[in-house]
């Protein structure tokens, strides 16, 4: 994958924590909805446990930060819905175009 500029890397590092916090906030609201719904408490518990097990693998929750993984992480964040193309304001035109092409394919 393309190596992005130092400016893009610094901007990415400055934004990733907020993006992850916002994504986890959305997940928490979904978990509350799941737990508040109809059904047996045990069924809701196990459904929540399964969701958390799956969700914690998302880059919106945790990721190994390295410059070589920046493209993969950003594509994963877009794919997970943790960020949108609008969140990429301020990044280079090259990076935004690559991410736009990625979302067009998916």
C-alpha atoms as a PDB file:
ATOM      1  CA  UNK A   1       0.000   0.000   0.000  1.00  0.00           C
ATOM      2  CA  UNK A   2       1.100   3.546  -0.584  1.00  0.00           C
ATOM      3  CA  UNK A   3       3.205   5.308   1.991  1.00  0.00           C
ATOM      4  CA  UNK A   4       1.519   8.517   2.984  1.00  0.00           C
ATOM      5  CA  UNK A   5       3.165  11.764   3.982  1.00  0.00           C
ATOM      6  CA  UNK A   6       4.519  12.556   7.416  1.00  0.00           C
ATOM      7  CA  UNK A   7       1.724  15.147   7.718  1.00  0.00           C
ATOM      8  CA  UNK A   8      -0.899  12.439   7.070  1.00  0.00           C
ATOM      9  CA  UNK A   9       0.736  10.145   9.637  1.00  0.00           C
ATOM     10  CA  UNK A  10       0.786  12.868  12.304  1.00  0.00           C
ATOM     11  CA  UNK A  11      -2.812  13.836  11.576  1.00  0.00           C
ATOM     12  CA  UNK A  12      -3.863  10.192  11.709  1.00  0.00           C
ATOM     13  CA  UNK A  13      -2.167   9.726  15.088  1.00  0.00           C
ATOM     14  CA  UNK A  14      -3.870  12.850  16.422  1.00  0.00           C
ATOM     15  CA  UNK A  15      -7.328  11.641  15.358  1.00  0.00           C
ATOM     16  CA  UNK A  16      -7.314   7.876  15.970  1.00  0.00           C
ATOM     17  CA  UNK A  17      -8.084   8.050  19.709  1.00  0.00           C
ATOM     18  CA  UNK A  18     -11.159  10.251  19.177  1.00  0.00           C
ATOM     19  CA  UNK A  19     -12.341   8.064  16.302  1.00  0.00           C
ATOM     20  CA  UNK A  20     -12.032   4.996  18.521  1.00  0.00           C
ATOM     21  CA  UNK A  21     -13.771   6.677  21.461  1.00  0.00           C
ATOM     22  CA  UNK A  22     -16.690   7.687  19.228  1.00  0.00           C
ATOM     23  CA  UNK A  23     -16.918   4.192  17.755  1.00  0.00           C
ATOM     24  CA  UNK A  24     -16.889   2.546  21.185  1.00  0.00           C
ATOM     25  CA  UNK A  25     -19.516   5.014  22.396  1.00  0.00           C
ATOM     26  CA  UNK A  26     -21.741   3.882  19.529  1.00  0.00           C
ATOM     27  CA  UNK A  27     -21.051   0.235  20.381  1.00  0.00           C
ATOM     28  CA  UNK A  28     -21.915   0.848  24.035  1.00  0.00           C
ATOM     29  CA  UNK A  29     -25.272   2.314  22.993  1.00  0.00           C
ATOM     30  CA  UNK A  30     -25.915  -0.756  20.826  1.00  0.00           C
ATOM     31  CA  UNK A  31     -25.041  -3.010  23.785  1.00  0.00           C
ATOM     32  CA  UNK A  32     -27.469  -1.123  26.025  1.00  0.00           C
ATOM     33  CA  UNK A  33     -30.176  -1.562  23.396  1.00  0.00           C
ATOM     34  CA  UNK A  34     -29.402  -5.274  23.176  1.00  0.00           C
ATOM     35  CA  UNK A  35     -29.581  -5.679  26.948  1.00  0.00           C
ATOM     36  CA  UNK A  36     -32.766  -3.601  27.209  1.00  0.00           C
ATOM     37  CA  UNK A  37     -34.623  -5.631  24.602  1.00  0.00           C
ATOM     38  CA  UNK A  38     -37.055  -8.452  25.006  1.00  0.00           C
ATOM     39  CA  UNK A  39     -35.896 -11.939  25.821  1.00  0.00           C
ATOM     40  CA  UNK A  40     -34.310 -14.067  28.456  1.00  0.00           C
ATOM     41  CA  UNK A  41     -31.518 -12.475  30.462  1.00  0.00           C
ATOM     42  CA  UNK A  42     -29.230 -15.401  29.681  1.00  0.00           C
ATOM     43  CA  UNK A  43     -29.837 -15.055  25.939  1.00  0.00           C
ATOM     44  CA  UNK A  44     -29.068 -11.348  26.104  1.00  0.00           C
ATOM     45  CA  UNK A  45     -25.942 -11.995  28.150  1.00  0.00           C
ATOM     46  CA  UNK A  46     -24.564 -14.517  25.671  1.00  0.00           C
ATOM     47  CA  UNK A  47     -25.504 -12.355  22.695  1.00  0.00           C
ATOM     48  CA  UNK A  48     -23.640  -9.446  24.292  1.00  0.00           C
ATOM     49  CA  UNK A  49     -20.620 -11.620  25.048  1.00  0.00           C
ATOM     50  CA  UNK A  50     -20.500 -12.733  21.406  1.00  0.00           C
ATOM     51  CA  UNK A  51     -20.829  -9.153  20.132  1.00  0.00           C
ATOM     52  CA  UNK A  52     -18.038  -7.891  22.384  1.00  0.00           C
ATOM     53  CA  UNK A  53     -15.783 -10.783  21.373  1.00  0.00           C
ATOM     54  CA  UNK A  54     -16.309  -9.866  17.698  1.00  0.00           C
ATOM     55  CA  UNK A  55     -16.240  -6.076  18.157  1.00  0.00           C
ATOM     56  CA  UNK A  56     -12.990  -5.999  20.088  1.00  0.00           C
ATOM     57  CA  UNK A  57     -11.207  -7.196  16.930  1.00  0.00           C
ATOM     58  CA  UNK A  58     -12.256  -4.012  15.096  1.00  0.00           C
ATOM     59  CA  UNK A  59      -9.718  -1.248  14.486  1.00  0.00           C
ATOM     60  CA  UNK A  60     -12.365   1.074  15.899  1.00  0.00           C
ATOM     61  CA  UNK A  61     -11.698  -0.589  19.254  1.00  0.00           C
ATOM     62  CA  UNK A  62      -8.013  -1.424  19.125  1.00  0.00           C
ATOM     63  CA  UNK A  63      -5.265  -1.585  16.560  1.00  0.00           C
ATOM     64  CA  UNK A  64      -1.546  -1.948  16.380  1.00  0.00           C
ATOM     65  CA  UNK A  65      -0.305   1.505  15.513  1.00  0.00           C
ATOM     66  CA  UNK A  66       2.444   1.573  12.942  1.00  0.00           C
ATOM     67  CA  UNK A  67       2.997   3.750   9.957  1.00  0.00           C
ATOM     68  CA  UNK A  68       3.158   0.695   7.711  1.00  0.00           C
ATOM     69  CA  UNK A  69      -0.370  -0.275   8.869  1.00  0.00           C
ATOM     70  CA  UNK A  70      -1.907   3.189   8.431  1.00  0.00           C
ATOM     71  CA  UNK A  71      -3.676   2.347   5.161  1.00  0.00           C
ATOM     72  CA  UNK A  72      -5.028  -0.939   6.479  1.00  0.00           C
ATOM     73  CA  UNK A  73      -6.256   0.695   9.684  1.00  0.00           C
ATOM     74  CA  UNK A  74      -7.960   3.556   7.849  1.00  0.00           C
ATOM     75  CA  UNK A  75      -9.646   1.175   5.408  1.00  0.00           C
ATOM     76  CA  UNK A  76     -10.815  -0.967   8.310  1.00  0.00           C
ATOM     77  CA  UNK A  77     -12.175   2.078  10.125  1.00  0.00           C
ATOM     78  CA  UNK A  78     -14.105   3.072   7.004  1.00  0.00           C
ATOM     79  CA  UNK A  79     -15.366  -0.467   6.495  1.00  0.00           C
ATOM     80  CA  UNK A  80     -16.488  -0.753  10.141  1.00  0.00           C
ATOM     81  CA  UNK A  81     -18.288   2.580   9.974  1.00  0.00           C
ATOM     82  CA  UNK A  82     -16.020   4.016  12.670  1.00  0.00           C
ATOM     83  CA  UNK A  83     -15.188   6.905  10.320  1.00  0.00           C
ATOM     84  CA  UNK A  84     -16.559   8.346   7.098  1.00  0.00           C
ATOM     85  CA  UNK A  85     -14.871  10.024   4.169  1.00  0.00           C
ATOM     86  CA  UNK A  86     -15.860  13.353   5.733  1.00  0.00           C
ATOM     87  CA  UNK A  87     -13.642  12.498   8.717  1.00  0.00           C
ATOM     88  CA  UNK A  88     -10.644  12.580   6.381  1.00  0.00           C
ATOM     89  CA  UNK A  89     -10.816  16.352   5.950  1.00  0.00           C
ATOM     90  CA  UNK A  90      -7.313  17.768   6.272  1.00  0.00           C
ATOM     91  CA  UNK A  91      -5.559  14.682   4.934  1.00  0.00           C
ATOM     92  CA  UNK A  92      -3.723  14.787   1.615  1.00  0.00           C
ATOM     93  CA  UNK A  93      -5.652  14.559  -1.639  1.00  0.00           C
ATOM     94  CA  UNK A  94      -3.781  11.313  -2.409  1.00  0.00           C
ATOM     95  CA  UNK A  95      -4.879   9.636   0.812  1.00  0.00           C
ATOM     96  CA  UNK A  96      -8.476  10.809   0.475  1.00  0.00           C
ATOM     97  CA  UNK A  97      -8.623   9.579  -3.133  1.00  0.00           C
ATOM     98  CA  UNK A  98      -7.301   6.141  -2.188  1.00  0.00           C
ATOM     99  CA  UNK A  99      -9.852   5.887   0.612  1.00  0.00           C
ATOM    100  CA  UNK A 100     -12.644   7.079  -1.687  1.00  0.00           C
ATOM    101  CA  UNK A 101     -11.727   4.391  -4.266  1.00  0.00           C
ATOM    102  CA  UNK A 102     -11.686   1.808  -1.469  1.00  0.00           C
ATOM    103  CA  UNK A 103     -15.196   2.741  -0.336  1.00  0.00           C
ATOM    104  CA  UNK A 104     -16.463   2.754  -3.932  1.00  0.00           C
ATOM    105  CA  UNK A 105     -15.316  -0.865  -4.323  1.00  0.00           C
ATOM    106  CA  UNK A 106     -16.964  -1.986  -1.094  1.00  0.00           C
END
